[in-house]
Amino acid sequence: MAFRRAWGDDEDDDVLPRRREGPVDPQTGIREVVDYKRKSNGDVVKVLIKEKVYTVRLKRSPAVEERRNWEKFGDVVGSKDESNITIQTSDVVNIEVSAISAIWPPLDAPRSDA
């Protein structure tokens, strides 16, 4: 007799085991990862992955370190984010371009090459 699933059983059966990452070998820098995948026919397959782990040291100039210690301003004042990203503001910035009007003709002027 074949086992027939009840209406509440399928949620627990579809959960795959969690991915497990082993420790990094200090001599070789290789870490073994055990992951589980579901094939198209429904079988669960155990996948063993060997990853090479590299340690990258960041070098910063003294000028960069000095700038990172400056007092925050604008939208960043209340932010706890210390990542090295640019935070964009939604403030409207009006730019007056006065020198370009002396060089270029207005946009509604007729063009000579047309």
PDB file of N, CA and C in Angstrom:
ATOM      1  N   MET A   1       0.836  -1.172   0.000  1.00  0.00           N
ATOM      2  CA  MET A   1       0.000   0.000   0.000  1.00  0.00           C
ATOM      3  C   MET A   1       0.881   1.235   0.000  1.00  0.00           C
ATOM      4  N   ALA A   2       0.616   2.137  -0.900  1.00  0.00           N
ATOM      5  CA  ALA A   2       1.410   3.358  -1.011  1.00  0.00           C
ATOM      6  C   ALA A   2       0.967   4.365   0.042  1.00  0.00           C
ATOM      7  N   PHE A   3       1.951   5.122   0.526  1.00  0.00           N
ATOM      8  CA  PHE A   3       1.663   6.146   1.534  1.00  0.00           C
ATOM      9  C   PHE A   3       1.020   7.350   0.856  1.00  0.00           C
ATOM     10  N   ARG A   4      -0.088   7.770   1.374  1.00  0.00           N
ATOM     11  CA  ARG A   4      -0.783   8.924   0.810  1.00  0.00           C
ATOM     12  C   ARG A   4      -0.585  10.108   1.747  1.00  0.00           C
ATOM     13  N   ARG A   5      -0.174  11.218   1.181  1.00  0.00           N
ATOM     14  CA  ARG A   5       0.101  12.395   1.988  1.00  0.00           C
ATOM     15  C   ARG A   5      -1.194  13.056   2.440  1.00  0.00           C
ATOM     16  N   ALA A   6      -1.175  13.521   3.650  1.00  0.00           N
ATOM     17  CA  ALA A   6      -2.313  14.282   4.171  1.00  0.00           C
ATOM     18  C   ALA A   6      -2.126  15.750   3.821  1.00  0.00           C
ATOM     19  N   TRP A   7      -3.153  16.554   3.987  1.00  0.00           N
ATOM     20  CA  TRP A   7      -3.102  17.946   3.574  1.00  0.00           C
ATOM     21  C   TRP A   7      -2.079  18.755   4.377  1.00  0.00           C
ATOM     22  N   GLY A   8      -1.718  18.355   5.571  1.00  0.00           N
ATOM     23  CA  GLY A   8      -0.777  19.125   6.394  1.00  0.00           C
ATOM     24  C   GLY A   8       0.656  18.637   6.319  1.00  0.00           C
ATOM     25  N   ASP A   9       0.922  17.559   5.580  1.00  0.00           N
ATOM     26  CA  ASP A   9       2.259  16.978   5.563  1.00  0.00           C
ATOM     27  C   ASP A   9       3.238  17.670   4.618  1.00  0.00           C
ATOM     28  N   ASP A  10       2.784  18.243   3.524  1.00  0.00           N
ATOM     29  CA  ASP A  10       3.710  18.688   2.481  1.00  0.00           C
ATOM     30  C   ASP A  10       4.555  19.891   2.886  1.00  0.00           C
ATOM     31  N   GLU A  11       4.188  20.687   3.866  1.00  0.00           N
ATOM     32  CA  GLU A  11       5.015  21.819   4.268  1.00  0.00           C
ATOM     33  C   GLU A  11       6.295  21.354   4.943  1.00  0.00           C
ATOM     34  N   ASP A  12       6.222  20.330   5.774  1.00  0.00           N
ATOM     35  CA  ASP A  12       7.402  19.848   6.479  1.00  0.00           C
ATOM     36  C   ASP A  12       8.324  19.037   5.571  1.00  0.00           C
ATOM     37  N   ASP A  13       7.767  18.367   4.567  1.00  0.00           N
ATOM     38  CA  ASP A  13       8.563  17.508   3.707  1.00  0.00           C
ATOM     39  C   ASP A  13       9.383  18.294   2.691  1.00  0.00           C
ATOM     40  N   ASP A  14       8.973  19.518   2.338  1.00  0.00           N
ATOM     41  CA  ASP A  14       9.666  20.295   1.314  1.00  0.00           C
ATOM     42  C   ASP A  14      10.869  21.060   1.843  1.00  0.00           C
ATOM     43  N   VAL A  15      11.109  21.052   3.135  1.00  0.00           N
ATOM     44  CA  VAL A  15      12.217  21.804   3.713  1.00  0.00           C
ATOM     45  C   VAL A  15      13.513  21.020   3.532  1.00  0.00           C
ATOM     46  N   LEU A  16      14.496  21.664   2.913  1.00  0.00           N
ATOM     47  CA  LEU A  16      15.808  21.043   2.732  1.00  0.00           C
ATOM     48  C   LEU A  16      16.685  21.334   3.943  1.00  0.00           C
ATOM     49  N   PRO A  17      17.654  20.465   4.233  1.00  0.00           N
ATOM     50  CA  PRO A  17      18.596  20.761   5.319  1.00  0.00           C
ATOM     51  C   PRO A  17      19.383  22.035   5.009  1.00  0.00           C
ATOM     52  N   ARG A  18      19.822  22.710   6.044  1.00  0.00           N
ATOM     53  CA  ARG A  18      20.548  23.967   5.884  1.00  0.00           C
ATOM     54  C   ARG A  18      21.954  23.737   5.330  1.00  0.00           C
ATOM     55  N   ARG A  19      22.475  24.761   4.676  1.00  0.00           N
ATOM     56  CA  ARG A  19      23.849  24.732   4.157  1.00  0.00           C
ATOM     57  C   ARG A  19      24.804  24.803   5.342  1.00  0.00           C
ATOM     58  N   ARG A  20      25.821  23.930   5.324  1.00  0.00           N
ATOM     59  CA  ARG A  20      26.801  23.903   6.402  1.00  0.00           C
ATOM     60  C   ARG A  20      28.172  24.248   5.844  1.00  0.00           C
ATOM     61  N   GLU A  21      28.818  25.246   6.437  1.00  0.00           N
ATOM     62  CA  GLU A  21      30.164  25.636   6.026  1.00  0.00           C
ATOM     63  C   GLU A  21      31.140  25.190   7.098  1.00  0.00           C
ATOM     64  N   GLY A  22      32.139  24.431   6.672  1.00  0.00           N
ATOM     65  CA  GLY A  22      33.141  23.956   7.606  1.00  0.00           C
ATOM     66  C   GLY A  22      34.189  25.018   7.883  1.00  0.00           C
ATOM     67  N   PRO A  23      35.090  24.725   8.801  1.00  0.00           N
ATOM     68  CA  PRO A  23      36.142  25.695   9.112  1.00  0.00           C
ATOM     69  C   PRO A  23      37.162  25.787   7.976  1.00  0.00           C
ATOM     70  N   VAL A  24      37.866  26.905   7.918  1.00  0.00           N
ATOM     71  CA  VAL A  24      38.895  27.122   6.904  1.00  0.00           C
ATOM     72  C   VAL A  24      40.191  26.501   7.393  1.00  0.00           C
ATOM     73  N   ASP A  25      40.797  25.671   6.543  1.00  0.00           N
ATOM     74  CA  ASP A  25      42.094  25.089   6.866  1.00  0.00           C
ATOM     75  C   ASP A  25      43.158  26.185   6.772  1.00  0.00           C
ATOM     76  N   PRO A  26      43.871  26.487   7.849  1.00  0.00           N
ATOM     77  CA  PRO A  26      44.819  27.603   7.817  1.00  0.00           C
ATOM     78  C   PRO A  26      46.009  27.379   6.878  1.00  0.00           C
ATOM     79  N   GLN A  27      46.366  26.139   6.610  1.00  0.00           N
ATOM     80  CA  GLN A  27      47.515  25.874   5.737  1.00  0.00           C
ATOM     81  C   GLN A  27      47.159  26.016   4.264  1.00  0.00           C
ATOM     82  N   THR A  28      46.011  25.504   3.855  1.00  0.00           N
ATOM     83  CA  THR A  28      45.640  25.530   2.438  1.00  0.00           C
ATOM     84  C   THR A  28      44.638  26.629   2.105  1.00  0.00           C
ATOM     85  N   GLY A  29      43.883  27.115   3.095  1.00  0.00           N
ATOM     86  CA  GLY A  29      42.866  28.125   2.852  1.00  0.00           C
ATOM     87  C   GLY A  29      41.618  27.559   2.203  1.00  0.00           C
ATOM     88  N   ILE A  30      41.392  26.260   2.317  1.00  0.00           N
ATOM     89  CA  ILE A  30      40.243  25.612   1.684  1.00  0.00           C
ATOM     90  C   ILE A  30      39.182  25.315   2.739  1.00  0.00           C
ATOM     91  N   ARG A  31      37.923  25.580   2.378  1.00  0.00           N
ATOM     92  CA  ARG A  31      36.789  25.311   3.256  1.00  0.00           C
ATOM     93  C   ARG A  31      35.849  24.368   2.522  1.00  0.00           C
ATOM     94  N   GLU A  32      35.328  23.383   3.233  1.00  0.00           N
ATOM     95  CA  GLU A  32      34.358  22.463   2.658  1.00  0.00           C
ATOM     96  C   GLU A  32      32.955  22.910   3.047  1.00  0.00           C
ATOM     97  N   VAL A  33      32.071  22.948   2.049  1.00  0.00           N
ATOM     98  CA  VAL A  33      30.690  23.370   2.246  1.00  0.00           C
ATOM     99  C   VAL A  33      29.789  22.213   1.838  1.00  0.00           C
ATOM    100  N   VAL A  34      28.797  21.910   2.671  1.00  0.00           N
ATOM    101  CA  VAL A  34      27.818  20.867   2.371  1.00  0.00           C
ATOM    102  C   VAL A  34      26.487  21.564   2.118  1.00  0.00           C
ATOM    103  N   ASP A  35      25.936  21.363   0.919  1.00  0.00           N
ATOM    104  CA  ASP A  35      24.677  21.980   0.540  1.00  0.00           C
ATOM    105  C   ASP A  35      23.751  20.890   0.012  1.00  0.00           C
ATOM    106  N   TYR A  36      22.466  21.142   0.032  1.00  0.00           N
ATOM    107  CA  TYR A  36      21.480  20.183  -0.444  1.00  0.00           C
ATOM    108  C   TYR A  36      20.636  20.836  -1.525  1.00  0.00           C
ATOM    109  N   LYS A  37      20.413  20.132  -2.625  1.00  0.00           N
ATOM    110  CA  LYS A  37      19.612  20.626  -3.742  1.00  0.00           C
ATOM    111  C   LYS A  37      18.515  19.616  -4.047  1.00  0.00           C
ATOM    112  N   ARG A  38      17.434  20.108  -4.634  1.00  0.00           N
ATOM    113  CA  ARG A  38      16.350  19.231  -5.051  1.00  0.00           C
ATOM    114  C   ARG A  38      16.403  19.102  -6.573  1.00  0.00           C
ATOM    115  N   LYS A  39      16.462  17.875  -7.068  1.00  0.00           N
ATOM    116  CA  LYS A  39      16.479  17.625  -8.507  1.00  0.00           C
ATOM    117  C   LYS A  39      15.073  17.778  -9.069  1.00  0.00           C
ATOM    118  N   SER A  40      14.965  17.776 -10.396  1.00  0.00           N
ATOM    119  CA  SER A  40      13.667  17.965 -11.043  1.00  0.00           C
ATOM    120  C   SER A  40      12.694  16.823 -10.749  1.00  0.00           C
ATOM    121  N   ASN A  41      13.201  15.643 -10.448  1.00  0.00           N
ATOM    122  CA  ASN A  41      12.304  14.528 -10.147  1.00  0.00           C
ATOM    123  C   ASN A  41      11.921  14.472  -8.663  1.00  0.00           C
ATOM    124  N   GLY A  42      12.424  15.418  -7.853  1.00  0.00           N
ATOM    125  CA  GLY A  42      12.039  15.498  -6.447  1.00  0.00           C
ATOM    126  C   GLY A  42      13.042  14.916  -5.482  1.00  0.00           C
ATOM    127  N   ASP A  43      14.087  14.250  -5.978  1.00  0.00           N
ATOM    128  CA  ASP A  43      15.095  13.681  -5.095  1.00  0.00           C
ATOM    129  C   ASP A  43      15.965  14.787  -4.502  1.00  0.00           C
ATOM    130  N   VAL A  44      16.399  14.583  -3.261  1.00  0.00           N
ATOM    131  CA  VAL A  44      17.297  15.513  -2.591  1.00  0.00           C
ATOM    132  C   VAL A  44      18.715  14.998  -2.766  1.00  0.00           C
ATOM    133  N   VAL A  45      19.603  15.894  -3.224  1.00  0.00           N
ATOM    134  CA  VAL A  45      20.984  15.522  -3.498  1.00  0.00           C
ATOM    135  C   VAL A  45      21.904  16.315  -2.596  1.00  0.00           C
ATOM    136  N   LYS A  46      22.881  15.641  -2.010  1.00  0.00           N
ATOM    137  CA  LYS A  46      23.876  16.287  -1.167  1.00  0.00           C
ATOM    138  C   LYS A  46      25.020  16.737  -2.070  1.00  0.00           C
ATOM    139  N   VAL A  47      25.390  18.032  -1.981  1.00  0.00           N
ATOM    140  CA  VAL A  47      26.433  18.595  -2.832  1.00  0.00           C
ATOM    141  C   VAL A  47      27.590  19.019  -1.937  1.00  0.00           C
ATOM    142  N   LEU A  48      28.785  18.512  -2.238  1.00  0.00           N
ATOM    143  CA  LEU A  48      29.988  18.895  -1.503  1.00  0.00           C
ATOM    144  C   LEU A  48      30.775  19.895  -2.347  1.00  0.00           C
ATOM    145  N   ILE A  49      31.094  21.041  -1.760  1.00  0.00           N
ATOM    146  CA  ILE A  49      31.803  22.104  -2.467  1.00  0.00           C
ATOM    147  C   ILE A  49      33.072  22.417  -1.696  1.00  0.00           C
ATOM    148  N   LYS A  50      34.174  22.555  -2.428  1.00  0.00           N
ATOM    149  CA  LYS A  50      35.423  22.997  -1.814  1.00  0.00           C
ATOM    150  C   LYS A  50      35.698  24.406  -2.307  1.00  0.00           C
ATOM    151  N   GLU A  51      35.821  25.340  -1.365  1.00  0.00           N
ATOM    152  CA  GLU A  51      36.046  26.738  -1.702  1.00  0.00           C
ATOM    153  C   GLU A  51      37.429  27.171  -1.229  1.00  0.00           C
ATOM    154  N   LYS A  52      38.085  27.956  -2.059  1.00  0.00           N
ATOM    155  CA  LYS A  52      39.362  28.559  -1.679  1.00  0.00           C
ATOM    156  C   LYS A  52      39.052  29.925  -1.082  1.00  0.00           C
ATOM    157  N   VAL A  53      39.510  30.165   0.123  1.00  0.00           N
ATOM    158  CA  VAL A  53      39.230  31.414   0.827  1.00  0.00           C
ATOM    159  C   VAL A  53      40.488  32.261   0.809  1.00  0.00           C
ATOM    160  N   TYR A  54      40.334  33.484   0.314  1.00  0.00           N
ATOM    161  CA  TYR A  54      41.448  34.425   0.257  1.00  0.00           C
ATOM    162  C   TYR A  54      41.218  35.538   1.272  1.00  0.00           C
ATOM    163  N   THR A  55      42.279  35.980   1.908  1.00  0.00           N
ATOM    164  CA  THR A  55      42.213  37.111   2.817  1.00  0.00           C
ATOM    165  C   THR A  55      42.856  38.290   2.119  1.00  0.00           C
ATOM    166  N   VAL A  56      42.096  39.361   1.966  1.00  0.00           N
ATOM    167  CA  VAL A  56      42.581  40.542   1.273  1.00  0.00           C
ATOM    168  C   VAL A  56      42.751  41.654   2.295  1.00  0.00           C
ATOM    169  N   ARG A  57      43.937  42.221   2.336  1.00  0.00           N
ATOM    170  CA  ARG A  57      44.208  43.319   3.254  1.00  0.00           C
ATOM    171  C   ARG A  57      44.025  44.632   2.507  1.00  0.00           C
ATOM    172  N   LEU A  58      43.271  45.532   3.102  1.00  0.00           N
ATOM    173  CA  LEU A  58      43.047  46.832   2.498  1.00  0.00           C
ATOM    174  C   LEU A  58      44.132  47.804   2.944  1.00  0.00           C
ATOM    175  N   LYS A  59      44.628  48.557   1.977  1.00  0.00           N
ATOM    176  CA  LYS A  59      45.584  49.611   2.286  1.00  0.00           C
ATOM    177  C   LYS A  59      44.891  50.940   2.079  1.00  0.00           C
ATOM    178  N   ARG A  60      45.000  51.815   3.043  1.00  0.00           N
ATOM    179  CA  ARG A  60      44.424  53.145   2.914  1.00  0.00           C
ATOM    180  C   ARG A  60      45.509  54.163   3.184  1.00  0.00           C
ATOM    181  N   SER A  61      45.431  55.233   2.432  1.00  0.00           N
ATOM    182  CA  SER A  61      46.402  56.299   2.643  1.00  0.00           C
ATOM    183  C   SER A  61      46.043  57.062   3.918  1.00  0.00           C
ATOM    184  N   PRO A  62      46.980  57.757   4.504  1.00  0.00           N
ATOM    185  CA  PRO A  62      46.684  58.546   5.706  1.00  0.00           C
ATOM    186  C   PRO A  62      45.631  59.621   5.455  1.00  0.00           C
ATOM    187  N   ALA A  63      45.566  60.155   4.235  1.00  0.00           N
ATOM    188  CA  ALA A  63      44.557  61.170   3.922  1.00  0.00           C
ATOM    189  C   ALA A  63      43.148  60.582   3.995  1.00  0.00           C
ATOM    190  N   VAL A  64      42.984  59.335   3.551  1.00  0.00           N
ATOM    191  CA  VAL A  64      41.673  58.684   3.615  1.00  0.00           C
ATOM    192  C   VAL A  64      41.283  58.455   5.067  1.00  0.00           C
ATOM    193  N   GLU A  65      42.215  58.022   5.880  1.00  0.00           N
ATOM    194  CA  GLU A  65      41.924  57.809   7.297  1.00  0.00           C
ATOM    195  C   GLU A  65      41.519  59.114   7.965  1.00  0.00           C
ATOM    196  N   GLU A  66      42.156  60.208   7.583  1.00  0.00           N
ATOM    197  CA  GLU A  66      41.806  61.507   8.155  1.00  0.00           C
ATOM    198  C   GLU A  66      40.382  61.910   7.749  1.00  0.00           C
ATOM    199  N   ARG A  67      40.027  61.704   6.466  1.00  0.00           N
ATOM    200  CA  ARG A  67      38.686  62.057   6.000  1.00  0.00           C
ATOM    201  C   ARG A  67      37.609  61.210   6.665  1.00  0.00           C
ATOM    202  N   ARG A  68      37.900  59.963   6.947  1.00  0.00           N
ATOM    203  CA  ARG A  68      36.909  59.097   7.594  1.00  0.00           C
ATOM    204  C   ARG A  68      36.600  59.555   9.015  1.00  0.00           C
ATOM    205  N   ASN A  69      37.504  60.331   9.612  1.00  0.00           N
ATOM    206  CA  ASN A  69      37.296  60.827  10.964  1.00  0.00           C
ATOM    207  C   ASN A  69      36.645  62.203  10.999  1.00  0.00           C
ATOM    208  N   TRP A  70      36.339  62.785   9.845  1.00  0.00           N
ATOM    209  CA  TRP A  70      35.665  64.078   9.808  1.00  0.00           C
ATOM    210  C   TRP A  70      34.263  63.955  10.404  1.00  0.00           C
ATOM    211  N   GLU A  71      33.715  65.073  10.839  1.00  0.00           N
ATOM    212  CA  GLU A  71      32.357  65.098  11.372  1.00  0.00           C
ATOM    213  C   GLU A  71      31.361  64.899  10.231  1.00  0.00           C
ATOM    214  N   LYS A  72      30.363  64.059  10.457  1.00  0.00           N
ATOM    215  CA  LYS A  72      29.348  63.779   9.437  1.00  0.00           C
ATOM    216  C   LYS A  72      28.445  64.996   9.259  1.00  0.00           C
ATOM    217  N   PHE A  73      27.896  65.158   8.041  1.00  0.00           N
ATOM    218  CA  PHE A  73      26.992  66.264   7.772  1.00  0.00           C
ATOM    219  C   PHE A  73      25.906  65.810   6.809  1.00  0.00           C
ATOM    220  N   GLY A  74      24.833  66.592   6.699  1.00  0.00           N
ATOM    221  CA  GLY A  74      23.740  66.271   5.786  1.00  0.00           C
ATOM    222  C   GLY A  74      22.893  65.117   6.289  1.00  0.00           C
ATOM    223  N   ASP A  75      22.455  64.261   5.374  1.00  0.00           N
ATOM    224  CA  ASP A  75      21.582  63.135   5.710  1.00  0.00           C
ATOM    225  C   ASP A  75      22.300  62.031   6.482  1.00  0.00           C
ATOM    226  N   VAL A  76      23.599  62.062   6.518  1.00  0.00           N
ATOM    227  CA  VAL A  76      24.373  60.983   7.133  1.00  0.00           C
ATOM    228  C   VAL A  76      24.517  61.174   8.638  1.00  0.00           C
ATOM    229  N   VAL A  77      24.125  62.324   9.165  1.00  0.00           N
ATOM    230  CA  VAL A  77      24.353  62.635  10.571  1.00  0.00           C
ATOM    231  C   VAL A  77      23.769  61.569  11.487  1.00  0.00           C
ATOM    232  N   GLY A  78      22.548  61.129  11.253  1.00  0.00           N
ATOM    233  CA  GLY A  78      21.922  60.145  12.131  1.00  0.00           C
ATOM    234  C   GLY A  78      22.191  58.714  11.739  1.00  0.00           C
ATOM    235  N   SER A  79      22.906  58.478  10.651  1.00  0.00           N
ATOM    236  CA  SER A  79      23.115  57.133  10.145  1.00  0.00           C
ATOM    237  C   SER A  79      24.217  56.417  10.916  1.00  0.00           C
ATOM    238  N   LYS A  80      24.000  55.142  11.202  1.00  0.00           N
ATOM    239  CA  LYS A  80      25.006  54.316  11.871  1.00  0.00           C
ATOM    240  C   LYS A  80      25.837  53.521  10.876  1.00  0.00           C
ATOM    241  N   ASP A  81      25.531  53.671   9.589  1.00  0.00           N
ATOM    242  CA  ASP A  81      26.219  52.905   8.545  1.00  0.00           C
ATOM    243  C   ASP A  81      27.647  53.407   8.383  1.00  0.00           C
ATOM    244  N   GLU A  82      28.623  52.539   8.560  1.00  0.00           N
ATOM    245  CA  GLU A  82      30.028  52.910   8.448  1.00  0.00           C
ATOM    246  C   GLU A  82      30.667  52.372   7.176  1.00  0.00           C
ATOM    247  N   SER A  83      29.851  51.873   6.236  1.00  0.00           N
ATOM    248  CA  SER A  83      30.415  51.310   5.016  1.00  0.00           C
ATOM    249  C   SER A  83      30.969  52.421   4.135  1.00  0.00           C
ATOM    250  N   ASN A  84      31.754  52.038   3.188  1.00  0.00           N
ATOM    251  CA  ASN A  84      32.446  52.992   2.324  1.00  0.00           C
ATOM    252  C   ASN A  84      31.594  53.254   1.084  1.00  0.00           C
ATOM    253  N   ILE A  85      30.430  53.877   1.284  1.00  0.00           N
ATOM    254  CA  ILE A  85      29.545  54.159   0.167  1.00  0.00           C
ATOM    255  C   ILE A  85      29.166  55.631   0.181  1.00  0.00           C
ATOM    256  N   THR A  86      28.658  56.104  -0.942  1.00  0.00           N
ATOM    257  CA  THR A  86      28.153  57.457  -1.035  1.00  0.00           C
ATOM    258  C   THR A  86      26.656  57.420  -0.797  1.00  0.00           C
ATOM    259  N   ILE A  87      26.181  58.225   0.120  1.00  0.00           N
ATOM    260  CA  ILE A  87      24.756  58.283   0.409  1.00  0.00           C
ATOM    261  C   ILE A  87      24.171  59.433  -0.380  1.00  0.00           C
ATOM    262  N   GLN A  88      23.187  59.130  -1.224  1.00  0.00           N
ATOM    263  CA  GLN A  88      22.571  60.154  -2.052  1.00  0.00           C
ATOM    264  C   GLN A  88      21.461  60.838  -1.276  1.00  0.00           C
ATOM    265  N   THR A  89      21.316  62.118  -1.496  1.00  0.00           N
ATOM    266  CA  THR A  89      20.277  62.886  -0.838  1.00  0.00           C
ATOM    267  C   THR A  89      19.167  63.204  -1.828  1.00  0.00           C
ATOM    268  N   SER A  90      17.982  63.434  -1.307  1.00  0.00           N
ATOM    269  CA  SER A  90      16.855  63.781  -2.170  1.00  0.00           C
ATOM    270  C   SER A  90      16.609  65.284  -2.186  1.00  0.00           C
ATOM    271  N   ASP A  91      17.552  66.066  -1.665  1.00  0.00           N
ATOM    272  CA  ASP A  91      17.408  67.516  -1.658  1.00  0.00           C
ATOM    273  C   ASP A  91      17.490  68.054  -3.077  1.00  0.00           C
ATOM    274  N   VAL A  92      16.704  69.114  -3.351  1.00  0.00           N
ATOM    275  CA  VAL A  92      16.724  69.757  -4.649  1.00  0.00           C
ATOM    276  C   VAL A  92      17.890  70.738  -4.676  1.00  0.00           C
ATOM    277  N   VAL A  93      18.726  70.617  -5.699  1.00  0.00           N
ATOM    278  CA  VAL A  93      19.883  71.491  -5.838  1.00  0.00           C
ATOM    279  C   VAL A  93      19.703  72.291  -7.121  1.00  0.00           C
ATOM    280  N   ASN A  94      19.592  73.605  -6.992  1.00  0.00           N
ATOM    281  CA  ASN A  94      19.458  74.484  -8.152  1.00  0.00           C
ATOM    282  C   ASN A  94      20.832  74.966  -8.575  1.00  0.00           C
ATOM    283  N   ILE A  95      21.154  74.753  -9.841  1.00  0.00           N
ATOM    284  CA  ILE A  95      22.456  75.163 -10.373  1.00  0.00           C
ATOM    285  C   ILE A  95      22.215  76.238 -11.420  1.00  0.00           C
ATOM    286  N   GLU A  96      22.864  77.375 -11.235  1.00  0.00           N
ATOM    287  CA  GLU A  96      22.770  78.451 -12.213  1.00  0.00           C
ATOM    288  C   GLU A  96      23.965  78.353 -13.148  1.00  0.00           C
ATOM    289  N   VAL A  97      23.694  78.225 -14.423  1.00  0.00           N
ATOM    290  CA  VAL A  97      24.742  78.126 -15.416  1.00  0.00           C
ATOM    291  C   VAL A  97      24.760  79.448 -16.177  1.00  0.00           C
ATOM    292  N   SER A  98      25.694  80.313 -15.864  1.00  0.00           N
ATOM    293  CA  SER A  98      25.711  81.626 -16.492  1.00  0.00           C
ATOM    294  C   SER A  98      26.755  81.704 -17.599  1.00  0.00           C
ATOM    295  N   ALA A  99      27.860  81.017 -17.481  1.00  0.00           N
ATOM    296  CA  ALA A  99      28.929  81.114 -18.468  1.00  0.00           C
ATOM    297  C   ALA A  99      28.553  80.417 -19.772  1.00  0.00           C
ATOM    298  N   ILE A 100      27.741  79.388 -19.711  1.00  0.00           N
ATOM    299  CA  ILE A 100      27.414  78.634 -20.921  1.00  0.00           C
ATOM    300  C   ILE A 100      26.476  79.417 -21.843  1.00  0.00           C
ATOM    301  N   SER A 101      25.681  80.340 -21.301  1.00  0.00           N
ATOM    302  CA  SER A 101      24.770  81.102 -22.157  1.00  0.00           C
ATOM    303  C   SER A 101      25.530  82.037 -23.086  1.00  0.00           C
ATOM    304  N   ALA A 102      26.728  82.444 -22.724  1.00  0.00           N
ATOM    305  CA  ALA A 102      27.517  83.307 -23.592  1.00  0.00           C
ATOM    306  C   ALA A 102      28.173  82.500 -24.709  1.00  0.00           C
ATOM    307  N   ILE A 103      28.367  81.205 -24.514  1.00  0.00           N
ATOM    308  CA  ILE A 103      29.052  80.366 -25.502  1.00  0.00           C
ATOM    309  C   ILE A 103      28.066  79.762 -26.489  1.00  0.00           C
ATOM    310  N   TRP A 104      26.967  79.208 -25.996  1.00  0.00           N
ATOM    311  CA  TRP A 104      26.029  78.478 -26.819  1.00  0.00           C
ATOM    312  C   TRP A 104      24.805  79.337 -27.126  1.00  0.00           C
ATOM    313  N   PRO A 105      24.205  79.193 -28.301  1.00  0.00           N
ATOM    314  CA  PRO A 105      22.952  79.907 -28.583  1.00  0.00           C
ATOM    315  C   PRO A 105      21.808  79.257 -27.827  1.00  0.00           C
ATOM    316  N   PRO A 106      20.717  79.958 -27.628  1.00  0.00           N
ATOM    317  CA  PRO A 106      19.575  79.349 -26.944  1.00  0.00           C
ATOM    318  C   PRO A 106      19.035  78.153 -27.727  1.00  0.00           C
ATOM    319  N   LEU A 107      18.337  77.272 -27.020  1.00  0.00           N
ATOM    320  CA  LEU A 107      17.840  76.044 -27.648  1.00  0.00           C
ATOM    321  C   LEU A 107      16.770  76.320 -28.696  1.00  0.00           C
ATOM    322  N   ASP A 108      16.000  77.409 -28.555  1.00  0.00           N
ATOM    323  CA  ASP A 108      14.933  77.681 -29.503  1.00  0.00           C
ATOM    324  C   ASP A 108      15.419  78.479 -30.715  1.00  0.00           C
ATOM    325  N   ALA A 109      16.704  78.803 -30.778  1.00  0.00           N
ATOM    326  CA  ALA A 109      17.243  79.541 -31.935  1.00  0.00           C
ATOM    327  C   ALA A 109      17.352  78.592 -33.122  1.00  0.00           C
ATOM    328  N   PRO A 110      17.124  79.106 -34.343  1.00  0.00           N
ATOM    329  CA  PRO A 110      17.239  78.226 -35.534  1.00  0.00           C
ATOM    330  C   PRO A 110      18.689  77.808 -35.739  1.00  0.00           C
ATOM    331  N   ARG A 111      18.862  76.543 -36.174  1.00  0.00           N
ATOM    332  CA  ARG A 111      20.196  75.994 -36.385  1.00  0.00           C
ATOM    333  C   ARG A 111      20.624  76.237 -37.819  1.00  0.00           C
ATOM    334  N   SER A 112      21.894  76.484 -38.017  1.00  0.00           N
ATOM    335  CA  SER A 112      22.383  76.776 -39.360  1.00  0.00           C
ATOM    336  C   SER A 112      22.652  75.505 -40.154  1.00  0.00           C
ATOM    337  N   ASP A 113      22.863  74.360 -39.498  1.00  0.00           N
ATOM    338  CA  ASP A 113      23.174  73.121 -40.219  1.00  0.00           C
ATOM    339  C   ASP A 113      21.929  72.349 -40.613  1.00  0.00           C
ATOM    340  N   ALA A 114      20.753  72.789 -40.243  1.00  0.00           N
ATOM    341  CA  ALA A 114      19.524  72.057 -40.529  1.00  0.00           C
ATOM    342  C   ALA A 114      18.965  72.357 -41.905  1.00  0.00           C
TER     343      ALA A 114
END
